Amino acid sequence: MRILDIVDYSQPAKETLEWEPKPEAVISGVPRQAAHMHFTSACGQLSTGIWESECGQWTVNFTENEYCEILEGVSVLRDEEGAERTVRAGDRFLIPAGFKGTWEVVERCRKVFVSVEFKG
């Protein structure tokens, strides 16, 4: 490994993926999303980058453990029982594998994510 292998988020991402949730998952809006991928491990279980989304609400089912740090915007996470948590710029949290519910972007949102795919 070299010093150049250190991931620097101020540099352009290695790859950008763009998508919208499947139509059956969308509850409201047109939540166009992008992930600016800065690193993916050789085994593919660990990935990190910058995620962003337009306003909307959709169902989620996390199969990975994901650390998030909100850079801008406001989102509301709701679990299957309807309990909710509002997250905004500066908030840091981890969503454990197995979380099911909805993600609603109230104001265009950007976050740093570190995702580890759950195996077990």
PDB file of N, CA and C in Angstrom:
ATOM      1  N   MET A   1       0.834  -1.183   0.000  1.00  0.00           N
ATOM      2  CA  MET A   1       0.000   0.000   0.000  1.00  0.00           C
ATOM      3  C   MET A   1       0.880   1.248   0.000  1.00  0.00           C
ATOM      4  N   ARG A   2       0.343   2.244  -0.653  1.00  0.00           N
ATOM      5  CA  ARG A   2       1.059   3.516  -0.738  1.00  0.00           C
ATOM      6  C   ARG A   2       0.199   4.628  -0.161  1.00  0.00           C
ATOM      7  N   ILE A   3       0.799   5.767   0.081  1.00  0.00           N
ATOM      8  CA  ILE A   3       0.071   6.925   0.589  1.00  0.00           C
ATOM      9  C   ILE A   3      -1.045   7.312  -0.376  1.00  0.00           C
ATOM     10  N   LEU A   4      -0.859   7.066  -1.655  1.00  0.00           N
ATOM     11  CA  LEU A   4      -1.884   7.387  -2.655  1.00  0.00           C
ATOM     12  C   LEU A   4      -3.112   6.484  -2.541  1.00  0.00           C
ATOM     13  N   ASP A   5      -3.007   5.382  -1.785  1.00  0.00           N
ATOM     14  CA  ASP A   5      -4.138   4.474  -1.604  1.00  0.00           C
ATOM     15  C   ASP A   5      -5.101   4.942  -0.514  1.00  0.00           C
ATOM     16  N   ILE A   6      -4.709   5.970   0.236  1.00  0.00           N
ATOM     17  CA  ILE A   6      -5.607   6.516   1.258  1.00  0.00           C
ATOM     18  C   ILE A   6      -6.777   7.201   0.557  1.00  0.00           C
ATOM     19  N   VAL A   7      -7.986   6.932   1.025  1.00  0.00           N
ATOM     20  CA  VAL A   7      -9.191   7.469   0.400  1.00  0.00           C
ATOM     21  C   VAL A   7      -9.391   8.918   0.831  1.00  0.00           C
ATOM     22  N   ASP A   8      -9.449   9.815  -0.144  1.00  0.00           N
ATOM     23  CA  ASP A   8      -9.616  11.243   0.100  1.00  0.00           C
ATOM     24  C   ASP A   8     -10.939  11.683  -0.523  1.00  0.00           C
ATOM     25  N   TYR A   9     -11.913  11.998   0.333  1.00  0.00           N
ATOM     26  CA  TYR A   9     -13.246  12.352  -0.153  1.00  0.00           C
ATOM     27  C   TYR A   9     -13.300  13.702  -0.861  1.00  0.00           C
ATOM     28  N   SER A  10     -12.242  14.483  -0.765  1.00  0.00           N
ATOM     29  CA  SER A  10     -12.224  15.759  -1.486  1.00  0.00           C
ATOM     30  C   SER A  10     -11.863  15.552  -2.961  1.00  0.00           C
ATOM     31  N   GLN A  11     -11.430  14.340  -3.295  1.00  0.00           N
ATOM     32  CA  GLN A  11     -11.085  14.013  -4.676  1.00  0.00           C
ATOM     33  C   GLN A  11     -12.300  13.397  -5.380  1.00  0.00           C
ATOM     34  N   PRO A  12     -12.333  13.422  -6.700  1.00  0.00           N
ATOM     35  CA  PRO A  12     -13.459  12.820  -7.419  1.00  0.00           C
ATOM     36  C   PRO A  12     -13.603  11.322  -7.092  1.00  0.00           C
ATOM     37  N   ALA A  13     -14.834  10.859  -7.084  1.00  0.00           N
ATOM     38  CA  ALA A  13     -15.113   9.444  -6.836  1.00  0.00           C
ATOM     39  C   ALA A  13     -14.566   8.599  -7.984  1.00  0.00           C
ATOM     40  N   LYS A  14     -14.286   7.337  -7.673  1.00  0.00           N
ATOM     41  CA  LYS A  14     -13.796   6.412  -8.701  1.00  0.00           C
ATOM     42  C   LYS A  14     -14.906   6.010  -9.662  1.00  0.00           C
ATOM     43  N   GLU A  15     -16.150   6.043  -9.171  1.00  0.00           N
ATOM     44  CA  GLU A  15     -17.305   5.622  -9.970  1.00  0.00           C
ATOM     45  C   GLU A  15     -18.551   6.258  -9.375  1.00  0.00           C
ATOM     46  N   THR A  16     -19.523   6.595 -10.215  1.00  0.00           N
ATOM     47  CA  THR A  16     -20.805   7.107  -9.750  1.00  0.00           C
ATOM     48  C   THR A  16     -21.911   6.208 -10.281  1.00  0.00           C
ATOM     49  N   LEU A  17     -22.766   5.760  -9.370  1.00  0.00           N
ATOM     50  CA  LEU A  17     -23.920   4.928  -9.710  1.00  0.00           C
ATOM     51  C   LEU A  17     -25.169   5.777  -9.501  1.00  0.00           C
ATOM     52  N   GLU A  18     -26.080   5.768 -10.470  1.00  0.00           N
ATOM     53  CA  GLU A  18     -27.323   6.526 -10.349  1.00  0.00           C
ATOM     54  C   GLU A  18     -28.506   5.583 -10.511  1.00  0.00           C
ATOM     55  N   TRP A  19     -29.595   5.833  -9.765  1.00  0.00           N
ATOM     56  CA  TRP A  19     -30.780   4.985  -9.830  1.00  0.00           C
ATOM     57  C   TRP A  19     -31.962   5.669  -9.157  1.00  0.00           C
ATOM     58  N   GLU A  20     -33.103   5.049  -9.315  1.00  0.00           N
ATOM     59  CA  GLU A  20     -34.311   5.375  -8.563  1.00  0.00           C
ATOM     60  C   GLU A  20     -34.767   4.082  -7.919  1.00  0.00           C
ATOM     61  N   PRO A  21     -35.376   4.142  -6.739  1.00  0.00           N
ATOM     62  CA  PRO A  21     -35.899   2.911  -6.145  1.00  0.00           C
ATOM     63  C   PRO A  21     -36.914   2.262  -7.094  1.00  0.00           C
ATOM     64  N   LYS A  22     -37.079   0.956  -6.969  1.00  0.00           N
ATOM     65  CA  LYS A  22     -38.077   0.249  -7.775  1.00  0.00           C
ATOM     66  C   LYS A  22     -39.432   0.898  -7.555  1.00  0.00           C
ATOM     67  N   PRO A  23     -40.231   1.009  -8.617  1.00  0.00           N
ATOM     68  CA  PRO A  23     -41.539   1.686  -8.497  1.00  0.00           C
ATOM     69  C   PRO A  23     -42.399   1.166  -7.345  1.00  0.00           C
ATOM     70  N   GLU A  24     -42.361  -0.134  -7.085  1.00  0.00           N
ATOM     71  CA  GLU A  24     -43.183  -0.690  -6.005  1.00  0.00           C
ATOM     72  C   GLU A  24     -42.683  -0.281  -4.614  1.00  0.00           C
ATOM     73  N   ALA A  25     -41.445   0.213  -4.521  1.00  0.00           N
ATOM     74  CA  ALA A  25     -40.894   0.659  -3.239  1.00  0.00           C
ATOM     75  C   ALA A  25     -41.183   2.135  -2.962  1.00  0.00           C
ATOM     76  N   VAL A  26     -41.479   2.900  -4.021  1.00  0.00           N
ATOM     77  CA  VAL A  26     -41.677   4.349  -3.860  1.00  0.00           C
ATOM     78  C   VAL A  26     -43.052   4.640  -3.261  1.00  0.00           C
ATOM     79  N   ILE A  27     -43.039   5.433  -2.206  1.00  0.00           N
ATOM     80  CA  ILE A  27     -44.277   5.848  -1.540  1.00  0.00           C
ATOM     81  C   ILE A  27     -44.684   7.229  -2.030  1.00  0.00           C
ATOM     82  N   SER A  28     -43.681   8.120  -2.213  1.00  0.00           N
ATOM     83  CA  SER A  28     -43.979   9.459  -2.705  1.00  0.00           C
ATOM     84  C   SER A  28     -42.746  10.057  -3.377  1.00  0.00           C
ATOM     85  N   GLY A  29     -42.991  11.045  -4.243  1.00  0.00           N
ATOM     86  CA  GLY A  29     -41.906  11.767  -4.899  1.00  0.00           C
ATOM     87  C   GLY A  29     -41.210  10.964  -5.981  1.00  0.00           C
ATOM     88  N   VAL A  30     -40.111  11.517  -6.457  1.00  0.00           N
ATOM     89  CA  VAL A  30     -39.248  10.874  -7.453  1.00  0.00           C
ATOM     90  C   VAL A  30     -37.827  10.915  -6.869  1.00  0.00           C
ATOM     91  N   PRO A  31     -37.538   9.980  -5.948  1.00  0.00           N
ATOM     92  CA  PRO A  31     -36.271  10.045  -5.225  1.00  0.00           C
ATOM     93  C   PRO A  31     -35.063   9.526  -6.035  1.00  0.00           C
ATOM     94  N   ARG A  32     -34.637  10.345  -7.001  1.00  0.00           N
ATOM     95  CA  ARG A  32     -33.435   9.989  -7.763  1.00  0.00           C
ATOM     96  C   ARG A  32     -32.248   9.984  -6.814  1.00  0.00           C
ATOM     97  N   GLN A  33     -31.400   8.962  -6.958  1.00  0.00           N
ATOM     98  CA  GLN A  33     -30.284   8.796  -6.041  1.00  0.00           C
ATOM     99  C   GLN A  33     -28.989   8.566  -6.804  1.00  0.00           C
ATOM    100  N   ALA A  34     -27.883   8.861  -6.133  1.00  0.00           N
ATOM    101  CA  ALA A  34     -26.561   8.595  -6.691  1.00  0.00           C
ATOM    102  C   ALA A  34     -25.627   8.214  -5.557  1.00  0.00           C
ATOM    103  N   ALA A  35     -24.721   7.312  -5.849  1.00  0.00           N
ATOM    104  CA  ALA A  35     -23.654   6.951  -4.915  1.00  0.00           C
ATOM    105  C   ALA A  35     -22.339   7.196  -5.624  1.00  0.00           C
ATOM    106  N   HIS A  36     -21.557   8.097  -5.068  1.00  0.00           N
ATOM    107  CA  HIS A  36     -20.231   8.407  -5.594  1.00  0.00           C
ATOM    108  C   HIS A  36     -19.261   7.510  -4.824  1.00  0.00           C
ATOM    109  N   MET A  37     -18.867   6.416  -5.459  1.00  0.00           N
ATOM    110  CA  MET A  37     -18.087   5.373  -4.801  1.00  0.00           C
ATOM    111  C   MET A  37     -16.615   5.758  -4.712  1.00  0.00           C
ATOM    112  N   HIS A  38     -16.125   5.820  -3.479  1.00  0.00           N
ATOM    113  CA  HIS A  38     -14.722   6.164  -3.255  1.00  0.00           C
ATOM    114  C   HIS A  38     -13.867   4.937  -2.964  1.00  0.00           C
ATOM    115  N   PHE A  39     -14.494   3.856  -2.462  1.00  0.00           N
ATOM    116  CA  PHE A  39     -13.724   2.655  -2.160  1.00  0.00           C
ATOM    117  C   PHE A  39     -14.655   1.458  -2.064  1.00  0.00           C
ATOM    118  N   THR A  40     -14.219   0.331  -2.628  1.00  0.00           N
ATOM    119  CA  THR A  40     -14.871  -0.962  -2.448  1.00  0.00           C
ATOM    120  C   THR A  40     -13.761  -1.975  -2.200  1.00  0.00           C
ATOM    121  N   SER A  41     -13.913  -2.761  -1.145  1.00  0.00           N
ATOM    122  CA  SER A  41     -12.887  -3.745  -0.806  1.00  0.00           C
ATOM    123  C   SER A  41     -12.819  -4.832  -1.874  1.00  0.00           C
ATOM    124  N   ALA A  42     -11.699  -5.534  -1.911  1.00  0.00           N
ATOM    125  CA  ALA A  42     -11.493  -6.600  -2.901  1.00  0.00           C
ATOM    126  C   ALA A  42     -12.565  -7.682  -2.785  1.00  0.00           C
ATOM    127  N   CYS A  43     -13.026  -7.968  -1.559  1.00  0.00           N
ATOM    128  CA  CYS A  43     -14.056  -8.995  -1.366  1.00  0.00           C
ATOM    129  C   CYS A  43     -15.458  -8.475  -1.665  1.00  0.00           C
ATOM    130  N   GLY A  44     -15.598  -7.150  -1.800  1.00  0.00           N
ATOM    131  CA  GLY A  44     -16.884  -6.549  -2.119  1.00  0.00           C
ATOM    132  C   GLY A  44     -17.806  -6.330  -0.937  1.00  0.00           C
ATOM    133  N   GLN A  45     -17.393  -6.700   0.277  1.00  0.00           N
ATOM    134  CA  GLN A  45     -18.266  -6.554   1.439  1.00  0.00           C
ATOM    135  C   GLN A  45     -18.255  -5.145   2.024  1.00  0.00           C
ATOM    136  N   LEU A  46     -17.166  -4.400   1.842  1.00  0.00           N
ATOM    137  CA  LEU A  46     -17.045  -3.061   2.398  1.00  0.00           C
ATOM    138  C   LEU A  46     -17.042  -2.043   1.270  1.00  0.00           C
ATOM    139  N   SER A  47     -17.881  -1.025   1.402  1.00  0.00           N
ATOM    140  CA  SER A  47     -17.878   0.058   0.414  1.00  0.00           C
ATOM    141  C   SER A  47     -18.125   1.371   1.142  1.00  0.00           C
ATOM    142  N   THR A  48     -17.621   2.455   0.530  1.00  0.00           N
ATOM    143  CA  THR A  48     -17.770   3.767   1.140  1.00  0.00           C
ATOM    144  C   THR A  48     -17.798   4.831   0.053  1.00  0.00           C
ATOM    145  N   GLY A  49     -18.500   5.893   0.356  1.00  0.00           N
ATOM    146  CA  GLY A  49     -18.602   6.977  -0.608  1.00  0.00           C
ATOM    147  C   GLY A  49     -19.564   8.047  -0.130  1.00  0.00           C
ATOM    148  N   ILE A  50     -20.047   8.820  -1.079  1.00  0.00           N
ATOM    149  CA  ILE A  50     -21.024   9.883  -0.820  1.00  0.00           C
ATOM    150  C   ILE A  50     -22.318   9.503  -1.528  1.00  0.00           C
ATOM    151  N   TRP A  51     -23.407   9.464  -0.777  1.00  0.00           N
ATOM    152  CA  TRP A  51     -24.735   9.161  -1.323  1.00  0.00           C
ATOM    153  C   TRP A  51     -25.536  10.444  -1.320  1.00  0.00           C
ATOM    154  N   GLU A  52     -26.384  10.612  -2.334  1.00  0.00           N
ATOM    155  CA  GLU A  52     -27.281  11.763  -2.371  1.00  0.00           C
ATOM    156  C   GLU A  52     -28.617  11.347  -2.955  1.00  0.00           C
ATOM    157  N   SER A  53     -29.655  12.072  -2.546  1.00  0.00           N
ATOM    158  CA  SER A  53     -30.997  11.749  -3.022  1.00  0.00           C
ATOM    159  C   SER A  53     -31.852  13.005  -3.102  1.00  0.00           C
ATOM    160  N   GLU A  54     -32.717  13.006  -4.102  1.00  0.00           N
ATOM    161  CA  GLU A  54     -33.755  14.027  -4.220  1.00  0.00           C
ATOM    162  C   GLU A  54     -34.878  13.665  -3.259  1.00  0.00           C
ATOM    163  N   CYS A  55     -35.831  14.564  -3.075  1.00  0.00           N
ATOM    164  CA  CYS A  55     -36.943  14.357  -2.154  1.00  0.00           C
ATOM    165  C   CYS A  55     -37.830  13.196  -2.592  1.00  0.00           C
ATOM    166  N   GLY A  56     -38.328  12.479  -1.614  1.00  0.00           N
ATOM    167  CA  GLY A  56     -39.233  11.362  -1.840  1.00  0.00           C
ATOM    168  C   GLY A  56     -39.178  10.414  -0.656  1.00  0.00           C
ATOM    169  N   GLN A  57     -40.022   9.391  -0.706  1.00  0.00           N
ATOM    170  CA  GLN A  57     -40.068   8.385   0.351  1.00  0.00           C
ATOM    171  C   GLN A  57     -40.181   7.013  -0.281  1.00  0.00           C
ATOM    172  N   TRP A  58     -39.452   6.038   0.271  1.00  0.00           N
ATOM    173  CA  TRP A  58     -39.459   4.681  -0.263  1.00  0.00           C
ATOM    174  C   TRP A  58     -39.193   3.689   0.871  1.00  0.00           C
ATOM    175  N   THR A  59     -39.546   2.435   0.633  1.00  0.00           N
ATOM    176  CA  THR A  59     -39.288   1.394   1.618  1.00  0.00           C
ATOM    177  C   THR A  59     -37.825   0.962   1.537  1.00  0.00           C
ATOM    178  N   VAL A  60     -37.283   0.572   2.690  1.00  0.00           N
ATOM    179  CA  VAL A  60     -35.905   0.099   2.768  1.00  0.00           C
ATOM    180  C   VAL A  60     -35.850  -1.223   3.520  1.00  0.00           C
ATOM    181  N   ASN A  61     -34.849  -2.026   3.177  1.00  0.00           N
ATOM    182  CA  ASN A  61     -34.573  -3.297   3.837  1.00  0.00           C
ATOM    183  C   ASN A  61     -33.056  -3.454   3.841  1.00  0.00           C
ATOM    184  N   PHE A  62     -32.411  -3.076   4.935  1.00  0.00           N
ATOM    185  CA  PHE A  62     -30.953  -3.083   4.994  1.00  0.00           C
ATOM    186  C   PHE A  62     -30.422  -4.498   5.198  1.00  0.00           C
ATOM    187  N   THR A  63     -29.636  -4.982   4.251  1.00  0.00           N
ATOM    188  CA  THR A  63     -28.940  -6.260   4.383  1.00  0.00           C
ATOM    189  C   THR A  63     -27.500  -6.025   4.827  1.00  0.00           C
ATOM    190  N   GLU A  64     -27.127  -4.755   4.965  1.00  0.00           N
ATOM    191  CA  GLU A  64     -25.782  -4.366   5.362  1.00  0.00           C
ATOM    192  C   GLU A  64     -25.849  -3.524   6.637  1.00  0.00           C
ATOM    193  N   ASN A  65     -24.726  -3.467   7.355  1.00  0.00           N
ATOM    194  CA  ASN A  65     -24.560  -2.514   8.448  1.00  0.00           C
ATOM    195  C   ASN A  65     -24.013  -1.255   7.796  1.00  0.00           C
ATOM    196  N   GLU A  66     -24.661  -0.109   8.048  1.00  0.00           N
ATOM    197  CA  GLU A  66     -24.226   1.108   7.375  1.00  0.00           C
ATOM    198  C   GLU A  66     -24.069   2.268   8.349  1.00  0.00           C
ATOM    199  N   TYR A  67     -22.841   2.801   8.412  1.00  0.00           N
ATOM    200  CA  TYR A  67     -22.558   4.017   9.151  1.00  0.00           C
ATOM    201  C   TYR A  67     -22.876   5.184   8.224  1.00  0.00           C
ATOM    202  N   CYS A  68     -23.562   6.203   8.734  1.00  0.00           N
ATOM    203  CA  CYS A  68     -23.942   7.369   7.941  1.00  0.00           C
ATOM    204  C   CYS A  68     -23.550   8.649   8.671  1.00  0.00           C
ATOM    205  N   GLU A  69     -23.112   9.632   7.908  1.00  0.00           N
ATOM    206  CA  GLU A  69     -22.892  10.976   8.426  1.00  0.00           C
ATOM    207  C   GLU A  69     -23.563  11.938   7.455  1.00  0.00           C
ATOM    208  N   ILE A  70     -24.624  12.603   7.899  1.00  0.00           N
ATOM    209  CA  ILE A  70     -25.382  13.498   7.034  1.00  0.00           C
ATOM    210  C   ILE A  70     -24.582  14.784   6.815  1.00  0.00           C
ATOM    211  N   LEU A  71     -24.343  15.103   5.546  1.00  0.00           N
ATOM    212  CA  LEU A  71     -23.594  16.304   5.185  1.00  0.00           C
ATOM    213  C   LEU A  71     -24.518  17.492   4.945  1.00  0.00           C
ATOM    214  N   GLU A  72     -25.683  17.215   4.350  1.00  0.00           N
ATOM    215  CA  GLU A  72     -26.662  18.285   4.116  1.00  0.00           C
ATOM    216  C   GLU A  72     -28.036  17.664   3.947  1.00  0.00           C
ATOM    217  N   GLY A  73     -29.050  18.477   4.210  1.00  0.00           N
ATOM    218  CA  GLY A  73     -30.422  18.032   4.019  1.00  0.00           C
ATOM    219  C   GLY A  73     -31.053  17.464   5.281  1.00  0.00           C
ATOM    220  N   VAL A  74     -32.299  16.990   5.102  1.00  0.00           N
ATOM    221  CA  VAL A  74     -33.079  16.420   6.197  1.00  0.00           C
ATOM    222  C   VAL A  74     -33.782  15.169   5.682  1.00  0.00           C
ATOM    223  N   SER A  75     -33.707  14.108   6.469  1.00  0.00           N
ATOM    224  CA  SER A  75     -34.400  12.857   6.149  1.00  0.00           C
ATOM    225  C   SER A  75     -35.111  12.360   7.399  1.00  0.00           C
ATOM    226  N   VAL A  76     -36.148  11.542   7.183  1.00  0.00           N
ATOM    227  CA  VAL A  76     -36.865  10.905   8.281  1.00  0.00           C
ATOM    228  C   VAL A  76     -36.827   9.403   8.034  1.00  0.00           C
ATOM    229  N   LEU A  77     -36.291   8.659   9.008  1.00  0.00           N
ATOM    230  CA  LEU A  77     -36.276   7.196   8.959  1.00  0.00           C
ATOM    231  C   LEU A  77     -37.421   6.698   9.827  1.00  0.00           C
ATOM    232  N   ARG A  78     -38.169   5.730   9.321  1.00  0.00           N
ATOM    233  CA  ARG A  78     -39.269   5.139  10.088  1.00  0.00           C
ATOM    234  C   ARG A  78     -39.108   3.626  10.065  1.00  0.00           C
ATOM    235  N   ASP A  79     -39.331   2.997  11.236  1.00  0.00           N
ATOM    236  CA  ASP A  79     -39.278   1.547  11.267  1.00  0.00           C
ATOM    237  C   ASP A  79     -40.654   0.978  10.926  1.00  0.00           C
ATOM    238  N   GLU A  80     -40.749  -0.335  10.902  1.00  0.00           N
ATOM    239  CA  GLU A  80     -42.008  -0.982  10.504  1.00  0.00           C
ATOM    240  C   GLU A  80     -43.148  -0.715  11.482  1.00  0.00           C
ATOM    241  N   GLU A  81     -42.827  -0.349  12.714  1.00  0.00           N
ATOM    242  CA  GLU A  81     -43.858  -0.046  13.701  1.00  0.00           C
ATOM    243  C   GLU A  81     -44.302   1.408  13.644  1.00  0.00           C
ATOM    244  N   GLY A  82     -43.605   2.226  12.829  1.00  0.00           N
ATOM    245  CA  GLY A  82     -43.982   3.627  12.685  1.00  0.00           C
ATOM    246  C   GLY A  82     -43.177   4.596  13.533  1.00  0.00           C
ATOM    247  N   ALA A  83     -42.282   4.079  14.385  1.00  0.00           N
ATOM    248  CA  ALA A  83     -41.411   4.980  15.147  1.00  0.00           C
ATOM    249  C   ALA A  83     -40.481   5.676  14.160  1.00  0.00           C
ATOM    250  N   GLU A  84     -40.161   6.938  14.425  1.00  0.00           N
ATOM    251  CA  GLU A  84     -39.356   7.678  13.453  1.00  0.00           C
ATOM    252  C   GLU A  84     -38.216   8.437  14.113  1.00  0.00           C
ATOM    253  N   ARG A  85     -37.231   8.744  13.277  1.00  0.00           N
ATOM    254  CA  ARG A  85     -36.077   9.547  13.696  1.00  0.00           C
ATOM    255  C   ARG A  85     -35.729  10.483  12.552  1.00  0.00           C
ATOM    256  N   THR A  86     -35.660  11.778  12.866  1.00  0.00           N
ATOM    257  CA  THR A  86     -35.259  12.785  11.877  1.00  0.00           C
ATOM    258  C   THR A  86     -33.758  12.968  11.971  1.00  0.00           C
ATOM    259  N   VAL A  87     -33.082  12.943  10.807  1.00  0.00           N
ATOM    260  CA  VAL A  87     -31.632  13.145  10.756  1.00  0.00           C
ATOM    261  C   VAL A  87     -31.346  14.324   9.844  1.00  0.00           C
ATOM    262  N   ARG A  88     -30.319  15.096  10.217  1.00  0.00           N
ATOM    263  CA  ARG A  88     -29.966  16.301   9.457  1.00  0.00           C
ATOM    264  C   ARG A  88     -28.458  16.494   9.503  1.00  0.00           C
ATOM    265  N   ALA A  89     -27.985  17.497   8.775  1.00  0.00           N
ATOM    266  CA  ALA A  89     -26.551  17.777   8.683  1.00  0.00           C
ATOM    267  C   ALA A  89     -25.891  17.716  10.055  1.00  0.00           C
ATOM    268  N   GLY A  90     -24.790  16.967  10.123  1.00  0.00           N
ATOM    269  CA  GLY A  90     -24.035  16.808  11.358  1.00  0.00           C
ATOM    270  C   GLY A  90     -24.362  15.548  12.121  1.00  0.00           C
ATOM    271  N   ASP A  91     -25.508  14.914  11.836  1.00  0.00           N
ATOM    272  CA  ASP A  91     -25.880  13.689  12.544  1.00  0.00           C
ATOM    273  C   ASP A  91     -25.051  12.516  12.027  1.00  0.00           C
ATOM    274  N   ARG A  92     -24.648  11.655  12.978  1.00  0.00           N
ATOM    275  CA  ARG A  92     -23.891  10.442  12.673  1.00  0.00           C
ATOM    276  C   ARG A  92     -24.603   9.279  13.331  1.00  0.00           C
ATOM    277  N   PHE A  93     -24.773   8.181  12.608  1.00  0.00           N
ATOM    278  CA  PHE A  93     -25.507   7.043  13.152  1.00  0.00           C
ATOM    279  C   PHE A  93     -25.174   5.785  12.355  1.00  0.00           C
ATOM    280  N   LEU A  94     -25.552   4.641  12.897  1.00  0.00           N
ATOM    281  CA  LEU A  94     -25.360   3.362  12.230  1.00  0.00           C
ATOM    282  C   LEU A  94     -26.701   2.665  12.091  1.00  0.00           C
ATOM    283  N   ILE A  95     -27.000   2.217  10.895  1.00  0.00           N
ATOM    284  CA  ILE A  95     -28.215   1.436  10.647  1.00  0.00           C
ATOM    285  C   ILE A  95     -27.785  -0.035  10.591  1.00  0.00           C
ATOM    286  N   PRO A  96     -28.276  -0.865  11.513  1.00  0.00           N
ATOM    287  CA  PRO A  96     -27.854  -2.266  11.515  1.00  0.00           C
ATOM    288  C   PRO A  96     -28.552  -3.078  10.431  1.00  0.00           C
ATOM    289  N   ALA A  97     -27.852  -4.111   9.973  1.00  0.00           N
ATOM    290  CA  ALA A  97     -28.453  -5.054   9.024  1.00  0.00           C
ATOM    291  C   ALA A  97     -29.737  -5.587   9.632  1.00  0.00           C
ATOM    292  N   GLY A  98     -30.766  -5.710   8.817  1.00  0.00           N
ATOM    293  CA  GLY A  98     -32.060  -6.195   9.281  1.00  0.00           C
ATOM    294  C   GLY A  98     -33.081  -5.091   9.492  1.00  0.00           C
ATOM    295  N   PHE A  99     -32.634  -3.813   9.461  1.00  0.00           N
ATOM    296  CA  PHE A  99     -33.575  -2.705   9.623  1.00  0.00           C
ATOM    297  C   PHE A  99     -34.505  -2.662   8.413  1.00  0.00           C
ATOM    298  N   LYS A 100     -35.817  -2.604   8.682  1.00  0.00           N
ATOM    299  CA  LYS A 100     -36.828  -2.477   7.630  1.00  0.00           C
ATOM    300  C   LYS A 100     -37.735  -1.310   7.988  1.00  0.00           C
ATOM    301  N   GLY A 101     -38.110  -0.561   6.974  1.00  0.00           N
ATOM    302  CA  GLY A 101     -38.996   0.570   7.195  1.00  0.00           C
ATOM    303  C   GLY A 101     -39.028   1.461   5.982  1.00  0.00           C
ATOM    304  N   THR A 102     -38.982   2.775   6.218  1.00  0.00           N
ATOM    305  CA  THR A 102     -38.966   3.729   5.104  1.00  0.00           C
ATOM    306  C   THR A 102     -37.899   4.780   5.342  1.00  0.00           C
ATOM    307  N   TRP A 103     -37.429   5.351   4.234  1.00  0.00           N
ATOM    308  CA  TRP A 103     -36.504   6.492   4.255  1.00  0.00           C
ATOM    309  C   TRP A 103     -37.224   7.593   3.492  1.00  0.00           C
ATOM    310  N   GLU A 104     -37.375   8.745   4.121  1.00  0.00           N
ATOM    311  CA  GLU A 104     -37.994   9.892   3.461  1.00  0.00           C
ATOM    312  C   GLU A 104     -37.004  11.048   3.428  1.00  0.00           C
ATOM    313  N   VAL A 105     -36.696  11.537   2.249  1.00  0.00           N
ATOM    314  CA  VAL A 105     -35.863  12.722   2.102  1.00  0.00           C
ATOM    315  C   VAL A 105     -36.799  13.915   2.037  1.00  0.00           C
ATOM    316  N   VAL A 106     -36.725  14.778   3.055  1.00  0.00           N
ATOM    317  CA  VAL A 106     -37.572  15.953   3.158  1.00  0.00           C
ATOM    318  C   VAL A 106     -36.919  17.132   2.437  1.00  0.00           C
ATOM    319  N   GLU A 107     -35.594  17.265   2.618  1.00  0.00           N
ATOM    320  CA  GLU A 107     -34.773  18.255   1.899  1.00  0.00           C
ATOM    321  C   GLU A 107     -33.622  17.483   1.276  1.00  0.00           C
ATOM    322  N   ARG A 108     -33.343  17.759  -0.001  1.00  0.00           N
ATOM    323  CA  ARG A 108     -32.272  17.052  -0.711  1.00  0.00           C
ATOM    324  C   ARG A 108     -31.154  16.685   0.255  1.00  0.00           C
ATOM    325  N   CYS A 109     -30.745  15.431   0.239  1.00  0.00           N
ATOM    326  CA  CYS A 109     -29.844  14.907   1.254  1.00  0.00           C
ATOM    327  C   CYS A 109     -28.545  14.389   0.639  1.00  0.00           C
ATOM    328  N   ARG A 110     -27.437  14.603   1.359  1.00  0.00           N
ATOM    329  CA  ARG A 110     -26.129  14.032   1.021  1.00  0.00           C
ATOM    330  C   ARG A 110     -25.552  13.447   2.295  1.00  0.00           C
ATOM    331  N   LYS A 111     -24.933  12.283   2.176  1.00  0.00           N
ATOM    332  CA  LYS A 111     -24.310  11.662   3.347  1.00  0.00           C
ATOM    333  C   LYS A 111     -23.055  10.913   2.937  1.00  0.00           C
ATOM    334  N   VAL A 112     -22.131  10.810   3.882  1.00  0.00           N
ATOM    335  CA  VAL A 112     -21.011   9.877   3.761  1.00  0.00           C
ATOM    336  C   VAL A 112     -21.546   8.548   4.277  1.00  0.00           C
ATOM    337  N   PHE A 113     -21.235   7.466   3.587  1.00  0.00           N
ATOM    338  CA  PHE A 113     -21.634   6.150   4.078  1.00  0.00           C
ATOM    339  C   PHE A 113     -20.443   5.200   4.078  1.00  0.00           C
ATOM    340  N   VAL A 114     -20.464   4.300   5.046  1.00  0.00           N
ATOM    341  CA  VAL A 114     -19.545   3.183   5.106  1.00  0.00           C
ATOM    342  C   VAL A 114     -20.419   1.968   5.319  1.00  0.00           C
ATOM    343  N   SER A 115     -20.429   1.073   4.348  1.00  0.00           N
ATOM    344  CA  SER A 115     -21.352  -0.050   4.343  1.00  0.00           C
ATOM    345  C   SER A 115     -20.587  -1.371   4.389  1.00  0.00           C
ATOM    346  N   VAL A 116     -20.985  -2.236   5.322  1.00  0.00           N
ATOM    347  CA  VAL A 116     -20.385  -3.565   5.431  1.00  0.00           C
ATOM    348  C   VAL A 116     -21.512  -4.581   5.266  1.00  0.00           C
ATOM    349  N   GLU A 117     -21.440  -5.341   4.192  1.00  0.00           N
ATOM    350  CA  GLU A 117     -22.480  -6.332   3.891  1.00  0.00           C
ATOM    351  C   GLU A 117     -22.472  -7.405   4.977  1.00  0.00           C
ATOM    352  N   PHE A 118     -23.632  -7.710   5.511  1.00  0.00           N
ATOM    353  CA  PHE A 118     -23.778  -8.702   6.584  1.00  0.00           C
ATOM    354  C   PHE A 118     -23.693 -10.097   6.002  1.00  0.00           C
ATOM    355  N   LYS A 119     -22.826 -10.904   6.562  1.00  0.00           N
ATOM    356  CA  LYS A 119     -22.681 -12.304   6.134  1.00  0.00           C
ATOM    357  C   LYS A 119     -22.848 -13.181   7.370  1.00  0.00           C
ATOM    358  N   GLY A 120     -24.014 -13.739   7.544  1.00  0.00           N
ATOM    359  CA  GLY A 120     -24.178 -14.622   8.702  1.00  0.00           C
ATOM    360  C   GLY A 120     -25.533 -14.634   9.168  1.00  0.00           C
TER     361      GLY A 120
END
